[in-house]
Amino acid sequence: MVKPALLAEEVRVRDVMSSPVIEADAEETLDKVADRMEKYHIGSVVITKNGQPVGIITKRDIVDKVVARDLRPSSVRAGDIMSSPLHIADPDLLIDEALRKMNKMKVSRLVVVYKGKITGMISLKDILQVTPEILDIVREQLRIKGVHVNRGGEGLQEGYCDACGEWSDMLVRIDDQLLCEECRLEMEKR
């Protein structure tokens, strides 16, 4: 897990990713894939073909592409409903960059690849698990620098950033302003 001494801008994908990644062959049927998801308490499985990763199946894929169409999971192959291509991240990518990539790609997880091999997966859930600790560290740094941090709306908020006007679901109240991560970091640099 993340050591408390790490600063927000130093937390990398490798620090919070889940590993190992559970895989299934593209020829497997959905009932077997769903059983694996339940067994390991996971929300996604990487799909492989001839040992190479080619896509991903999430719980949402199963609901949207199988259940909603009233298909029998035992007659649907994983390769037929997987989402492809895989969206990947390097283990050394900063988590705020991973978050921006997820937002841009409109996905909630990235497969972590190092030297051509899958080493893990990072999801919004993984990032959110470390966010409270990161925010506490940032608040303390700002307090030391003399910036007043109003904790009135305890935790993260969503809405439009008061500084840049962009939508964010990770706004933090600082000096009576709701700021996104980028604007907060910019303020900290001043």
N, C-alpha and C. Protein backbone atom coordinates (compact mmCIF):
# COMPACT_ATOMS: atom_id res chain seq x y z
N MET A 1 0.83 -1.18 0.00
CA MET A 1 0.00 0.00 0.00
C MET A 1 0.88 1.25 0.00
N VAL A 2 0.28 2.40 -0.20
CA VAL A 2 1.01 3.65 -0.30
C VAL A 2 1.56 4.06 1.06
N LYS A 3 2.84 4.40 1.09
CA LYS A 3 3.46 4.87 2.33
C LYS A 3 3.01 6.30 2.58
N PRO A 4 2.68 6.67 3.83
CA PRO A 4 2.20 8.01 4.12
C PRO A 4 3.16 9.11 3.67
N ALA A 5 4.44 8.83 3.56
CA ALA A 5 5.40 9.86 3.19
C ALA A 5 5.29 10.27 1.73
N LEU A 6 4.64 9.45 0.90
CA LEU A 6 4.53 9.79 -0.51
C LEU A 6 3.61 10.98 -0.72
N LEU A 7 4.00 11.84 -1.63
CA LEU A 7 3.17 12.98 -1.97
C LEU A 7 2.24 12.59 -3.10
N ALA A 8 1.16 13.35 -3.25
CA ALA A 8 0.15 13.04 -4.27
C ALA A 8 0.77 12.88 -5.65
N GLU A 9 1.71 13.77 -6.00
CA GLU A 9 2.28 13.70 -7.33
C GLU A 9 3.33 12.60 -7.49
N GLU A 10 3.62 11.85 -6.42
CA GLU A 10 4.58 10.76 -6.51
C GLU A 10 3.92 9.38 -6.53
N VAL A 11 2.63 9.31 -6.34
CA VAL A 11 1.95 8.02 -6.31
C VAL A 11 1.80 7.52 -7.75
N ARG A 12 2.30 6.34 -7.97
CA ARG A 12 2.31 5.77 -9.31
C ARG A 12 1.35 4.58 -9.40
N VAL A 13 1.03 4.21 -10.62
CA VAL A 13 0.12 3.11 -10.89
C VAL A 13 0.57 1.85 -10.15
N ARG A 14 1.85 1.55 -10.16
CA ARG A 14 2.36 0.34 -9.51
C ARG A 14 2.07 0.32 -8.01
N ASP A 15 1.91 1.51 -7.40
CA ASP A 15 1.67 1.60 -5.97
C ASP A 15 0.25 1.19 -5.58
N VAL A 16 -0.68 1.28 -6.51
CA VAL A 16 -2.09 1.03 -6.16
C VAL A 16 -2.78 -0.02 -7.03
N MET A 17 -2.09 -0.54 -8.03
CA MET A 17 -2.72 -1.51 -8.95
C MET A 17 -3.04 -2.82 -8.24
N SER A 18 -4.00 -3.54 -8.80
CA SER A 18 -4.34 -4.88 -8.33
C SER A 18 -3.54 -5.89 -9.15
N SER A 19 -3.07 -6.92 -8.48
CA SER A 19 -2.29 -7.94 -9.17
C SER A 19 -2.44 -9.24 -8.40
N PRO A 20 -2.47 -10.39 -9.04
CA PRO A 20 -2.37 -10.64 -10.47
C PRO A 20 -3.70 -10.36 -11.18
N VAL A 21 -3.63 -10.36 -12.50
CA VAL A 21 -4.82 -10.14 -13.32
C VAL A 21 -5.39 -11.50 -13.70
N ILE A 22 -6.69 -11.65 -13.55
CA ILE A 22 -7.35 -12.90 -13.93
C ILE A 22 -7.68 -12.84 -15.42
N GLU A 23 -7.36 -13.94 -16.12
CA GLU A 23 -7.54 -14.00 -17.56
C GLU A 23 -8.49 -15.13 -17.93
N ALA A 24 -9.06 -15.03 -19.14
CA ALA A 24 -9.90 -16.09 -19.70
C ALA A 24 -9.65 -16.12 -21.20
N ASP A 25 -9.76 -17.30 -21.79
CA ASP A 25 -9.57 -17.44 -23.22
C ASP A 25 -10.80 -16.93 -23.97
N ALA A 26 -10.59 -16.37 -25.15
CA ALA A 26 -11.68 -15.83 -25.96
C ALA A 26 -12.72 -16.88 -26.33
N GLU A 27 -12.34 -18.15 -26.32
CA GLU A 27 -13.28 -19.23 -26.69
C GLU A 27 -14.14 -19.69 -25.50
N GLU A 28 -13.78 -19.29 -24.28
CA GLU A 28 -14.57 -19.70 -23.11
C GLU A 28 -15.96 -19.09 -23.16
N THR A 29 -16.90 -19.81 -22.57
CA THR A 29 -18.26 -19.28 -22.52
C THR A 29 -18.41 -18.35 -21.32
N LEU A 30 -19.42 -17.48 -21.43
CA LEU A 30 -19.63 -16.46 -20.41
C LEU A 30 -19.96 -17.01 -19.04
N ASP A 31 -20.62 -18.17 -18.96
CA ASP A 31 -20.92 -18.73 -17.64
C ASP A 31 -19.63 -19.05 -16.90
N LYS A 32 -18.60 -19.53 -17.62
CA LYS A 32 -17.32 -19.83 -16.99
C LYS A 32 -16.58 -18.54 -16.59
N VAL A 33 -16.66 -17.53 -17.44
CA VAL A 33 -16.03 -16.25 -17.14
C VAL A 33 -16.70 -15.62 -15.91
N ALA A 34 -18.02 -15.66 -15.86
CA ALA A 34 -18.76 -15.09 -14.73
C ALA A 34 -18.45 -15.86 -13.44
N ASP A 35 -18.31 -17.18 -13.54
CA ASP A 35 -17.93 -17.98 -12.36
C ASP A 35 -16.57 -17.53 -11.83
N ARG A 36 -15.63 -17.28 -12.75
CA ARG A 36 -14.30 -16.84 -12.34
C ARG A 36 -14.37 -15.46 -11.66
N MET A 37 -15.21 -14.57 -12.21
CA MET A 37 -15.36 -13.24 -11.62
C MET A 37 -15.92 -13.35 -10.19
N GLU A 38 -16.88 -14.24 -10.03
CA GLU A 38 -17.46 -14.43 -8.70
C GLU A 38 -16.45 -15.06 -7.74
N LYS A 39 -15.73 -16.06 -8.21
CA LYS A 39 -14.76 -16.77 -7.37
C LYS A 39 -13.69 -15.82 -6.82
N TYR A 40 -13.20 -14.91 -7.67
CA TYR A 40 -12.11 -14.01 -7.26
C TYR A 40 -12.62 -12.64 -6.80
N HIS A 41 -13.95 -12.46 -6.78
CA HIS A 41 -14.55 -11.19 -6.34
C HIS A 41 -13.99 -10.01 -7.14
N ILE A 42 -14.04 -10.13 -8.47
CA ILE A 42 -13.50 -9.09 -9.34
C ILE A 42 -14.58 -8.63 -10.32
N GLY A 43 -14.37 -7.46 -10.89
CA GLY A 43 -15.34 -6.88 -11.81
C GLY A 43 -14.95 -6.97 -13.26
N SER A 44 -13.79 -7.56 -13.56
CA SER A 44 -13.36 -7.66 -14.95
C SER A 44 -12.35 -8.80 -15.12
N VAL A 45 -12.29 -9.29 -16.35
CA VAL A 45 -11.37 -10.36 -16.72
C VAL A 45 -10.74 -9.99 -18.05
N VAL A 46 -9.42 -10.13 -18.15
CA VAL A 46 -8.73 -9.88 -19.42
C VAL A 46 -8.91 -11.11 -20.30
N ILE A 47 -9.27 -10.87 -21.55
CA ILE A 47 -9.51 -11.97 -22.50
C ILE A 47 -8.28 -12.14 -23.39
N THR A 48 -7.86 -13.40 -23.53
CA THR A 48 -6.67 -13.72 -24.32
C THR A 48 -7.04 -14.61 -25.51
N LYS A 49 -6.21 -14.53 -26.52
CA LYS A 49 -6.33 -15.42 -27.68
C LYS A 49 -4.92 -15.86 -28.02
N ASN A 50 -4.71 -17.17 -28.04
CA ASN A 50 -3.37 -17.73 -28.25
C ASN A 50 -2.37 -17.15 -27.25
N GLY A 51 -2.83 -16.95 -26.00
CA GLY A 51 -1.97 -16.46 -24.94
C GLY A 51 -1.73 -14.96 -24.93
N GLN A 52 -2.23 -14.25 -25.92
CA GLN A 52 -2.03 -12.80 -26.02
C GLN A 52 -3.30 -12.06 -25.60
N PRO A 53 -3.17 -10.99 -24.78
CA PRO A 53 -4.35 -10.23 -24.38
C PRO A 53 -4.97 -9.50 -25.57
N VAL A 54 -6.29 -9.67 -25.74
CA VAL A 54 -6.98 -9.06 -26.88
C VAL A 54 -8.17 -8.19 -26.47
N GLY A 55 -8.61 -8.30 -25.22
CA GLY A 55 -9.76 -7.52 -24.79
C GLY A 55 -10.03 -7.70 -23.31
N ILE A 56 -11.17 -7.19 -22.90
CA ILE A 56 -11.56 -7.26 -21.50
C ILE A 56 -13.08 -7.44 -21.43
N ILE A 57 -13.52 -8.16 -20.42
CA ILE A 57 -14.95 -8.28 -20.14
C ILE A 57 -15.17 -7.76 -18.74
N THR A 58 -16.13 -6.85 -18.63
CA THR A 58 -16.51 -6.30 -17.33
C THR A 58 -17.92 -6.77 -16.99
N LYS A 59 -18.30 -6.55 -15.74
CA LYS A 59 -19.67 -6.88 -15.34
C LYS A 59 -20.67 -6.14 -16.23
N ARG A 60 -20.33 -4.91 -16.57
CA ARG A 60 -21.23 -4.11 -17.42
C ARG A 60 -21.39 -4.76 -18.79
N ASP A 61 -20.30 -5.30 -19.35
CA ASP A 61 -20.40 -6.00 -20.64
C ASP A 61 -21.39 -7.15 -20.55
N ILE A 62 -21.32 -7.89 -19.46
CA ILE A 62 -22.21 -9.04 -19.28
C ILE A 62 -23.66 -8.58 -19.19
N VAL A 63 -23.90 -7.53 -18.42
CA VAL A 63 -25.28 -7.02 -18.27
C VAL A 63 -25.79 -6.48 -19.61
N ASP A 64 -25.00 -5.61 -20.26
CA ASP A 64 -25.44 -4.95 -21.49
C ASP A 64 -25.52 -5.88 -22.70
N LYS A 65 -24.58 -6.81 -22.82
CA LYS A 65 -24.47 -7.60 -24.03
C LYS A 65 -25.03 -9.02 -23.92
N VAL A 66 -25.33 -9.46 -22.69
CA VAL A 66 -25.86 -10.82 -22.52
C VAL A 66 -27.22 -10.77 -21.82
N VAL A 67 -27.24 -10.25 -20.60
CA VAL A 67 -28.48 -10.24 -19.81
C VAL A 67 -29.56 -9.40 -20.49
N ALA A 68 -29.22 -8.18 -20.92
CA ALA A 68 -30.21 -7.29 -21.54
C ALA A 68 -30.76 -7.85 -22.84
N ARG A 69 -30.00 -8.72 -23.49
CA ARG A 69 -30.44 -9.32 -24.76
C ARG A 69 -31.03 -10.71 -24.54
N ASP A 70 -31.16 -11.08 -23.27
CA ASP A 70 -31.75 -12.36 -22.89
C ASP A 70 -31.04 -13.55 -23.54
N LEU A 71 -29.70 -13.48 -23.59
CA LEU A 71 -28.90 -14.56 -24.14
C LEU A 71 -28.49 -15.51 -23.03
N ARG A 72 -28.26 -16.77 -23.38
CA ARG A 72 -27.79 -17.75 -22.40
C ARG A 72 -26.28 -17.65 -22.27
N PRO A 73 -25.76 -17.35 -21.07
CA PRO A 73 -24.31 -17.22 -20.88
C PRO A 73 -23.53 -18.45 -21.33
N SER A 74 -24.13 -19.63 -21.23
CA SER A 74 -23.43 -20.85 -21.63
C SER A 74 -23.31 -20.99 -23.14
N SER A 75 -23.97 -20.12 -23.90
CA SER A 75 -23.88 -20.20 -25.36
C SER A 75 -23.17 -18.99 -25.98
N VAL A 76 -22.67 -18.09 -25.13
CA VAL A 76 -21.98 -16.90 -25.63
C VAL A 76 -20.48 -17.02 -25.30
N ARG A 77 -19.64 -16.84 -26.33
CA ARG A 77 -18.20 -16.90 -26.12
C ARG A 77 -17.67 -15.55 -25.65
N ALA A 78 -16.64 -15.58 -24.82
CA ALA A 78 -16.04 -14.36 -24.28
C ALA A 78 -15.60 -13.41 -25.40
N GLY A 79 -15.01 -13.97 -26.44
CA GLY A 79 -14.54 -13.15 -27.56
C GLY A 79 -15.65 -12.40 -28.28
N ASP A 80 -16.89 -12.88 -28.15
CA ASP A 80 -18.01 -12.24 -28.83
C ASP A 80 -18.51 -10.98 -28.14
N ILE A 81 -18.24 -10.84 -26.84
CA ILE A 81 -18.75 -9.65 -26.14
C ILE A 81 -17.66 -8.80 -25.50
N MET A 82 -16.40 -9.21 -25.63
CA MET A 82 -15.32 -8.45 -24.98
C MET A 82 -15.23 -7.05 -25.57
N SER A 83 -14.72 -6.14 -24.76
CA SER A 83 -14.41 -4.80 -25.23
C SER A 83 -12.96 -4.83 -25.69
N SER A 84 -12.71 -4.23 -26.83
CA SER A 84 -11.37 -4.25 -27.40
C SER A 84 -11.16 -2.95 -28.16
N PRO A 85 -9.98 -2.41 -28.22
CA PRO A 85 -8.73 -2.91 -27.68
C PRO A 85 -8.61 -2.64 -26.19
N LEU A 86 -7.60 -3.24 -25.57
CA LEU A 86 -7.32 -2.99 -24.17
C LEU A 86 -6.73 -1.59 -24.03
N HIS A 87 -7.11 -0.91 -22.98
CA HIS A 87 -6.50 0.38 -22.65
C HIS A 87 -5.45 0.09 -21.59
N ILE A 88 -4.22 0.47 -21.88
CA ILE A 88 -3.12 0.07 -21.00
C ILE A 88 -2.45 1.27 -20.33
N ALA A 89 -1.71 0.96 -19.28
CA ALA A 89 -0.94 1.96 -18.56
C ALA A 89 0.41 1.36 -18.18
N ASP A 90 1.41 2.19 -18.12
CA ASP A 90 2.73 1.80 -17.65
C ASP A 90 2.72 1.84 -16.13
N PRO A 91 3.41 0.93 -15.45
CA PRO A 91 3.41 0.93 -13.99
C PRO A 91 3.99 2.22 -13.38
N ASP A 92 4.82 2.95 -14.13
CA ASP A 92 5.42 4.18 -13.62
C ASP A 92 4.57 5.42 -13.88
N LEU A 93 3.43 5.26 -14.53
CA LEU A 93 2.53 6.38 -14.78
C LEU A 93 1.99 6.91 -13.46
N LEU A 94 1.96 8.23 -13.30
CA LEU A 94 1.39 8.83 -12.10
C LEU A 94 -0.11 8.57 -12.07
N ILE A 95 -0.68 8.39 -10.88
CA ILE A 95 -2.10 8.03 -10.82
C ILE A 95 -3.00 9.14 -11.34
N ASP A 96 -2.59 10.41 -11.21
CA ASP A 96 -3.43 11.47 -11.76
C ASP A 96 -3.43 11.40 -13.29
N GLU A 97 -2.32 10.99 -13.89
CA GLU A 97 -2.27 10.81 -15.34
C GLU A 97 -3.12 9.61 -15.75
N ALA A 98 -3.08 8.55 -14.95
CA ALA A 98 -3.92 7.37 -15.23
C ALA A 98 -5.39 7.76 -15.15
N LEU A 99 -5.74 8.57 -14.17
CA LEU A 99 -7.12 9.03 -14.01
C LEU A 99 -7.56 9.86 -15.21
N ARG A 100 -6.68 10.74 -15.67
CA ARG A 100 -7.01 11.55 -16.86
C ARG A 100 -7.19 10.65 -18.09
N LYS A 101 -6.34 9.63 -18.21
CA LYS A 101 -6.44 8.71 -19.35
C LYS A 101 -7.78 7.95 -19.30
N MET A 102 -8.15 7.47 -18.10
CA MET A 102 -9.44 6.78 -17.95
C MET A 102 -10.58 7.70 -18.34
N ASN A 103 -10.52 8.94 -17.88
CA ASN A 103 -11.57 9.91 -18.17
C ASN A 103 -11.65 10.18 -19.67
N LYS A 104 -10.51 10.37 -20.31
CA LYS A 104 -10.46 10.64 -21.76
C LYS A 104 -11.01 9.45 -22.55
N MET A 105 -10.64 8.23 -22.14
CA MET A 105 -11.06 7.02 -22.86
C MET A 105 -12.46 6.55 -22.44
N LYS A 106 -13.00 7.18 -21.38
CA LYS A 106 -14.31 6.81 -20.84
C LYS A 106 -14.34 5.35 -20.39
N VAL A 107 -13.27 4.95 -19.65
CA VAL A 107 -13.17 3.62 -19.07
C VAL A 107 -12.90 3.76 -17.58
N SER A 108 -13.16 2.70 -16.83
CA SER A 108 -12.95 2.77 -15.38
C SER A 108 -11.77 1.92 -14.92
N ARG A 109 -11.03 1.35 -15.87
CA ARG A 109 -9.85 0.56 -15.52
C ARG A 109 -8.87 0.53 -16.67
N LEU A 110 -7.60 0.37 -16.31
CA LEU A 110 -6.52 0.25 -17.29
C LEU A 110 -5.72 -1.00 -16.95
N VAL A 111 -5.31 -1.73 -17.97
CA VAL A 111 -4.46 -2.91 -17.77
C VAL A 111 -3.02 -2.40 -17.71
N VAL A 112 -2.29 -2.84 -16.68
CA VAL A 112 -0.91 -2.39 -16.48
C VAL A 112 0.03 -3.37 -17.17
N VAL A 113 0.85 -2.84 -18.08
CA VAL A 113 1.75 -3.67 -18.87
C VAL A 113 3.18 -3.19 -18.67
N TYR A 114 4.08 -4.14 -18.36
CA TYR A 114 5.49 -3.84 -18.19
C TYR A 114 6.29 -4.82 -19.04
N LYS A 115 7.12 -4.28 -19.93
CA LYS A 115 7.92 -5.09 -20.84
C LYS A 115 7.08 -6.12 -21.59
N GLY A 116 5.93 -5.68 -22.06
CA GLY A 116 5.06 -6.52 -22.87
C GLY A 116 4.24 -7.54 -22.11
N LYS A 117 4.33 -7.56 -20.80
CA LYS A 117 3.57 -8.52 -19.99
C LYS A 117 2.59 -7.79 -19.08
N ILE A 118 1.42 -8.40 -18.92
CA ILE A 118 0.41 -7.83 -18.02
C ILE A 118 0.87 -8.07 -16.59
N THR A 119 1.00 -6.98 -15.83
CA THR A 119 1.46 -7.10 -14.44
C THR A 119 0.38 -6.72 -13.44
N GLY A 120 -0.68 -6.10 -13.91
CA GLY A 120 -1.74 -5.69 -12.98
C GLY A 120 -2.84 -4.95 -13.69
N MET A 121 -3.74 -4.42 -12.87
CA MET A 121 -4.84 -3.61 -13.39
C MET A 121 -5.09 -2.51 -12.38
N ILE A 122 -5.38 -1.32 -12.88
CA ILE A 122 -5.72 -0.21 -12.00
C ILE A 122 -7.11 0.27 -12.36
N SER A 123 -7.92 0.45 -11.33
CA SER A 123 -9.30 0.89 -11.53
C SER A 123 -9.55 2.17 -10.74
N LEU A 124 -10.67 2.80 -11.04
CA LEU A 124 -11.07 3.98 -10.26
C LEU A 124 -11.14 3.62 -8.78
N LYS A 125 -11.63 2.42 -8.50
CA LYS A 125 -11.74 1.97 -7.11
C LYS A 125 -10.36 1.93 -6.43
N ASP A 126 -9.35 1.43 -7.14
CA ASP A 126 -7.99 1.39 -6.59
C ASP A 126 -7.50 2.79 -6.26
N ILE A 127 -7.75 3.75 -7.15
CA ILE A 127 -7.31 5.13 -6.94
C ILE A 127 -8.08 5.77 -5.79
N LEU A 128 -9.39 5.52 -5.75
CA LEU A 128 -10.20 6.11 -4.68
C LEU A 128 -9.83 5.58 -3.30
N GLN A 129 -9.28 4.38 -3.23
CA GLN A 129 -8.87 3.83 -1.94
C GLN A 129 -7.71 4.59 -1.34
N VAL A 130 -6.86 5.20 -2.17
CA VAL A 130 -5.72 5.97 -1.63
C VAL A 130 -5.99 7.46 -1.59
N THR A 131 -7.06 7.92 -2.23
CA THR A 131 -7.34 9.35 -2.31
C THR A 131 -7.46 10.02 -0.94
N PRO A 132 -8.16 9.45 0.04
CA PRO A 132 -8.24 10.15 1.34
C PRO A 132 -6.87 10.41 1.96
N GLU A 133 -5.97 9.44 1.87
CA GLU A 133 -4.63 9.63 2.42
C GLU A 133 -3.87 10.71 1.65
N ILE A 134 -4.01 10.72 0.33
CA ILE A 134 -3.35 11.72 -0.49
C ILE A 134 -3.88 13.11 -0.12
N LEU A 135 -5.21 13.23 -0.01
CA LEU A 135 -5.79 14.53 0.33
C LEU A 135 -5.34 15.00 1.70
N ASP A 136 -5.21 14.10 2.66
CA ASP A 136 -4.72 14.48 3.98
C ASP A 136 -3.29 15.02 3.90
N ILE A 137 -2.45 14.37 3.09
CA ILE A 137 -1.07 14.81 2.92
C ILE A 137 -1.05 16.19 2.27
N VAL A 138 -1.85 16.37 1.22
CA VAL A 138 -1.90 17.66 0.52
C VAL A 138 -2.41 18.75 1.45
N ARG A 139 -3.46 18.47 2.22
CA ARG A 139 -3.99 19.46 3.17
C ARG A 139 -2.91 19.88 4.17
N GLU A 140 -2.16 18.90 4.65
CA GLU A 140 -1.10 19.20 5.62
C GLU A 140 -0.01 20.06 4.97
N GLN A 141 0.36 19.74 3.73
CA GLN A 141 1.37 20.54 3.03
C GLN A 141 0.87 21.98 2.85
N LEU A 142 -0.38 22.13 2.45
CA LEU A 142 -0.95 23.46 2.26
C LEU A 142 -1.01 24.22 3.58
N ARG A 143 -1.38 23.52 4.65
CA ARG A 143 -1.45 24.15 5.97
C ARG A 143 -0.07 24.66 6.38
N ILE A 144 0.95 23.85 6.13
CA ILE A 144 2.32 24.24 6.46
C ILE A 144 2.73 25.48 5.66
N LYS A 145 2.27 25.56 4.40
CA LYS A 145 2.59 26.71 3.55
C LYS A 145 1.73 27.93 3.87
N GLY A 146 0.79 27.78 4.80
CA GLY A 146 -0.04 28.91 5.20
C GLY A 146 -1.32 29.08 4.39
N VAL A 147 -1.66 28.10 3.57
CA VAL A 147 -2.91 28.17 2.81
C VAL A 147 -4.01 27.55 3.65
N HIS A 148 -5.09 28.31 3.86
CA HIS A 148 -6.20 27.80 4.67
C HIS A 148 -7.03 26.81 3.86
N VAL A 149 -7.21 25.61 4.40
CA VAL A 149 -8.02 24.59 3.75
C VAL A 149 -9.30 24.43 4.54
N ASN A 150 -10.41 24.81 3.92
CA ASN A 150 -11.72 24.70 4.55
C ASN A 150 -12.25 23.29 4.34
N ARG A 151 -12.40 22.54 5.42
CA ARG A 151 -12.86 21.16 5.30
C ARG A 151 -14.36 21.07 5.48
N GLY A 152 -15.05 22.18 5.22
CA GLY A 152 -16.50 22.23 5.41
C GLY A 152 -17.24 21.12 4.70
N GLY A 153 -16.94 20.87 3.46
CA GLY A 153 -17.61 19.82 2.72
C GLY A 153 -16.78 18.57 2.75
N GLU A 154 -16.42 18.10 3.91
CA GLU A 154 -15.51 16.97 4.13
C GLU A 154 -15.46 16.01 2.95
N GLY A 155 -14.28 15.80 2.41
CA GLY A 155 -14.10 14.85 1.33
C GLY A 155 -14.22 15.49 -0.04
N LEU A 156 -14.31 14.67 -1.04
CA LEU A 156 -14.37 15.13 -2.42
C LEU A 156 -15.78 15.55 -2.79
N GLN A 157 -15.84 16.50 -3.71
CA GLN A 157 -17.13 16.94 -4.24
C GLN A 157 -17.04 16.89 -5.75
N GLU A 158 -18.19 16.95 -6.40
CA GLU A 158 -18.17 17.01 -7.84
C GLU A 158 -18.85 18.29 -8.29
N GLY A 159 -18.45 18.76 -9.46
CA GLY A 159 -19.00 19.99 -10.00
C GLY A 159 -17.97 20.66 -10.89
N TYR A 160 -18.14 21.98 -11.07
CA TYR A 160 -17.23 22.74 -11.92
C TYR A 160 -16.17 23.42 -11.06
N CYS A 161 -14.94 23.33 -11.49
CA CYS A 161 -13.81 23.94 -10.79
C CYS A 161 -13.98 25.46 -10.85
N ASP A 162 -13.82 26.12 -9.70
CA ASP A 162 -13.95 27.57 -9.64
C ASP A 162 -12.83 28.28 -10.38
N ALA A 163 -11.68 27.64 -10.56
CA ALA A 163 -10.54 28.28 -11.21
C ALA A 163 -10.57 28.13 -12.73
N CYS A 164 -10.76 26.90 -13.22
CA CYS A 164 -10.68 26.66 -14.68
C CYS A 164 -12.02 26.42 -15.34
N GLY A 165 -13.06 26.16 -14.54
CA GLY A 165 -14.39 25.94 -15.10
C GLY A 165 -14.65 24.55 -15.64
N GLU A 166 -13.67 23.64 -15.53
CA GLU A 166 -13.84 22.27 -16.02
C GLU A 166 -14.59 21.42 -15.00
N TRP A 167 -15.36 20.43 -15.48
CA TRP A 167 -16.07 19.50 -14.60
C TRP A 167 -15.09 18.53 -13.97
N SER A 168 -15.28 18.25 -12.69
CA SER A 168 -14.45 17.27 -12.00
C SER A 168 -15.28 16.59 -10.93
N ASP A 169 -15.03 15.32 -10.70
CA ASP A 169 -15.69 14.63 -9.60
C ASP A 169 -14.74 14.49 -8.42
N MET A 170 -13.63 15.26 -8.47
CA MET A 170 -12.65 15.24 -7.39
C MET A 170 -12.29 16.66 -6.95
N LEU A 171 -13.31 17.50 -6.72
CA LEU A 171 -13.06 18.87 -6.28
C LEU A 171 -12.74 18.88 -4.79
N VAL A 172 -11.81 19.76 -4.43
CA VAL A 172 -11.43 19.95 -3.03
C VAL A 172 -11.62 21.43 -2.72
N ARG A 173 -12.19 21.72 -1.55
CA ARG A 173 -12.40 23.12 -1.15
C ARG A 173 -11.12 23.65 -0.51
N ILE A 174 -10.56 24.71 -1.14
CA ILE A 174 -9.36 25.36 -0.64
C ILE A 174 -9.59 26.87 -0.72
N ASP A 175 -9.41 27.56 0.41
CA ASP A 175 -9.62 29.02 0.47
C ASP A 175 -10.96 29.42 -0.14
N ASP A 176 -12.02 28.76 0.27
CA ASP A 176 -13.39 29.05 -0.19
C ASP A 176 -13.59 28.88 -1.69
N GLN A 177 -12.77 28.06 -2.33
CA GLN A 177 -12.95 27.73 -3.74
C GLN A 177 -12.95 26.22 -3.89
N LEU A 178 -13.77 25.73 -4.82
CA LEU A 178 -13.73 24.31 -5.17
C LEU A 178 -12.76 24.17 -6.34
N LEU A 179 -11.69 23.41 -6.13
CA LEU A 179 -10.65 23.28 -7.15
C LEU A 179 -10.47 21.84 -7.59
N CYS A 180 -10.23 21.66 -8.90
CA CYS A 180 -9.92 20.34 -9.43
C CYS A 180 -8.47 20.02 -9.08
N GLU A 181 -8.06 18.79 -9.34
CA GLU A 181 -6.71 18.34 -9.00
C GLU A 181 -5.64 19.20 -9.66
N GLU A 182 -5.81 19.51 -10.97
CA GLU A 182 -4.80 20.30 -11.68
C GLU A 182 -4.66 21.69 -11.09
N CYS A 183 -5.77 22.36 -10.82
CA CYS A 183 -5.72 23.72 -10.27
C CYS A 183 -5.18 23.71 -8.84
N ARG A 184 -5.51 22.66 -8.09
CA ARG A 184 -4.99 22.55 -6.73
C ARG A 184 -3.48 22.40 -6.77
N LEU A 185 -2.97 21.56 -7.67
CA LEU A 185 -1.52 21.38 -7.80
C LEU A 185 -0.85 22.67 -8.25
N GLU A 186 -1.51 23.40 -9.17
CA GLU A 186 -0.97 24.67 -9.62
C GLU A 186 -0.88 25.67 -8.48
N MET A 187 -1.92 25.71 -7.63
CA MET A 187 -1.92 26.61 -6.47
C MET A 187 -0.80 26.23 -5.51
N GLU A 188 -0.58 24.95 -5.36
CA GLU A 188 0.45 24.47 -4.43
C GLU A 188 1.85 24.87 -4.90
N LYS A 189 2.05 24.93 -6.23
CA LYS A 189 3.37 25.28 -6.76
C LYS A 189 3.71 26.75 -6.52
N ARG A 190 2.69 27.60 -6.37
CA ARG A 190 2.92 29.05 -6.20
C ARG A 190 3.54 29.38 -4.90
